[in-house]
Amino acid sequence: MTKFSAEELKISRWDSAEMLENQADIDSYLKVAFESNDYRHIADALGVAARAQSMLKISKKTGLARENLYNSLSYSGNPTLHTVTQVMSVLGYRLSFTKVGTQTCESF
């Protein structure tokens, strides 16, 4: 069996941000992530959207360090609520909530 290096195969790292070409793409991408209700998926999707819009610009507008944004807005990241709301605001969104079903804490 022949082994090849990534350079020999000309494999490059996939970045979903390159596929988000306009605001409608970003809207759809974030909608799916938030509907998943998976914090890892949401954090990663916000990072992808931020990269699509330029992480440097997001960093400057939020006052948050670019390196910290890259780390926290990833699948393995754990952004603070402050980071999430700041980035969402710069991207043109706000955090809101929707009641699902009739279950309450007393139901547990």
Protein backbone atom coordinates (compact mmCIF):
# COMPACT_ATOMS: atom_id res chain seq x y z
CA MET A 1 0.00 0.00 0.00
CA THR A 2 1.40 3.37 -1.03
CA LYS A 3 1.21 6.21 1.46
CA PHE A 4 0.96 9.82 0.35
CA SER A 5 1.37 13.02 2.31
CA ALA A 6 -1.29 15.76 2.29
CA GLU A 7 1.05 17.91 0.21
CA GLU A 8 1.44 15.18 -2.41
CA LEU A 9 -2.32 14.74 -2.62
CA LYS A 10 -2.88 18.52 -2.55
CA ILE A 11 -5.43 18.24 0.23
CA SER A 12 -6.43 21.47 1.86
CA ARG A 13 -8.32 22.07 5.07
CA TRP A 14 -12.10 22.52 4.62
CA ASP A 15 -13.56 25.79 5.89
CA SER A 16 -17.33 26.14 5.77
CA ALA A 17 -16.93 29.92 5.96
CA GLU A 18 -15.83 29.89 2.32
CA MET A 19 -19.23 28.50 1.33
CA LEU A 20 -21.19 31.31 3.01
CA GLU A 21 -21.24 33.75 0.11
CA ASN A 22 -24.00 36.14 1.21
CA GLN A 23 -26.20 37.14 4.14
CA ALA A 24 -28.92 34.64 3.20
CA ASP A 25 -26.36 31.81 3.42
CA ILE A 26 -25.25 32.99 6.86
CA ASP A 27 -28.87 33.34 8.01
CA SER A 28 -29.68 29.76 6.97
CA TYR A 29 -26.47 28.36 8.46
CA LEU A 30 -27.06 29.99 11.85
CA LYS A 31 -30.76 29.09 11.85
CA VAL A 32 -29.97 25.40 11.48
CA ALA A 33 -27.34 25.59 14.23
CA PHE A 34 -29.65 27.32 16.69
CA GLU A 35 -32.50 24.94 15.90
CA SER A 36 -30.21 22.04 16.83
CA ASN A 37 -30.07 23.37 20.40
CA ASP A 38 -26.53 21.95 20.59
CA TYR A 39 -24.20 24.49 22.20
CA ARG A 40 -21.17 23.06 20.36
CA HIS A 41 -22.91 23.37 17.00
CA ILE A 42 -24.04 26.92 17.84
CA ALA A 43 -20.56 28.02 18.95
CA ASP A 44 -18.99 26.53 15.83
CA ALA A 45 -21.61 28.08 13.53
CA LEU A 46 -21.03 31.51 15.06
CA GLY A 47 -17.31 31.05 14.43
CA VAL A 48 -17.95 30.05 10.83
CA ALA A 49 -20.21 33.06 10.32
CA ALA A 50 -17.63 35.34 11.94
CA ARG A 51 -14.89 34.00 9.67
CA ALA A 52 -17.16 34.50 6.64
CA GLN A 53 -17.53 38.16 7.66
CA SER A 54 -13.84 38.54 8.68
CA MET A 55 -12.82 37.53 12.17
CA LEU A 56 -10.50 40.55 12.30
CA LYS A 57 -13.43 42.93 11.75
CA ILE A 58 -15.54 41.05 14.31
CA SER A 59 -12.67 41.28 16.79
CA LYS A 60 -12.26 45.02 16.28
CA LYS A 61 -15.99 45.73 16.52
CA THR A 62 -16.50 43.63 19.66
CA GLY A 63 -13.23 44.52 21.36
CA LEU A 64 -12.61 40.81 21.91
CA ALA A 65 -9.24 39.26 21.07
CA ARG A 66 -9.22 37.54 17.69
CA GLU A 67 -7.37 34.50 19.04
CA ASN A 68 -9.94 34.09 21.81
CA LEU A 69 -12.76 34.31 19.27
CA TYR A 70 -11.18 31.59 17.13
CA ASN A 71 -10.81 29.36 20.21
CA SER A 72 -14.18 29.95 21.84
CA LEU A 73 -16.25 30.01 18.64
CA SER A 74 -15.39 26.47 17.64
CA TYR A 75 -16.91 23.03 18.15
CA SER A 76 -14.62 22.45 21.13
CA GLY A 77 -14.96 26.01 22.43
CA ASN A 78 -17.09 27.22 25.28
CA PRO A 79 -17.86 30.91 24.68
CA THR A 80 -19.29 33.07 27.42
CA LEU A 81 -22.74 34.52 27.00
CA HIS A 82 -21.03 37.90 26.64
CA THR A 83 -19.00 36.65 23.68
CA VAL A 84 -22.05 35.08 22.04
CA THR A 85 -24.18 38.20 22.36
CA GLN A 86 -21.38 40.53 21.23
CA VAL A 87 -20.61 38.48 18.12
CA MET A 88 -24.29 38.01 17.31
CA SER A 89 -24.84 41.76 17.59
CA VAL A 90 -21.98 42.57 15.21
CA LEU A 91 -23.30 39.95 12.79
CA GLY A 92 -26.71 41.65 12.95
CA TYR A 93 -28.57 39.24 15.23
CA ARG A 94 -29.84 39.17 18.79
CA LEU A 95 -30.37 36.33 21.18
CA SER A 96 -34.00 35.53 21.94
CA PHE A 97 -35.96 32.59 23.22
CA THR A 98 -38.98 30.57 22.21
CA LYS A 99 -41.08 28.46 24.51
CA VAL A 100 -41.31 24.85 23.38
CA GLY A 101 -44.17 22.73 24.66
CA THR A 102 -45.79 23.07 28.06
CA GLN A 103 -43.16 21.35 30.18
CA THR A 104 -42.08 23.26 33.30
CA CYS A 105 -39.56 22.63 36.06
CA GLU A 106 -42.35 21.19 38.17
CA SER A 107 -42.83 18.46 35.54
CA PHE A 108 -39.50 16.86 36.44
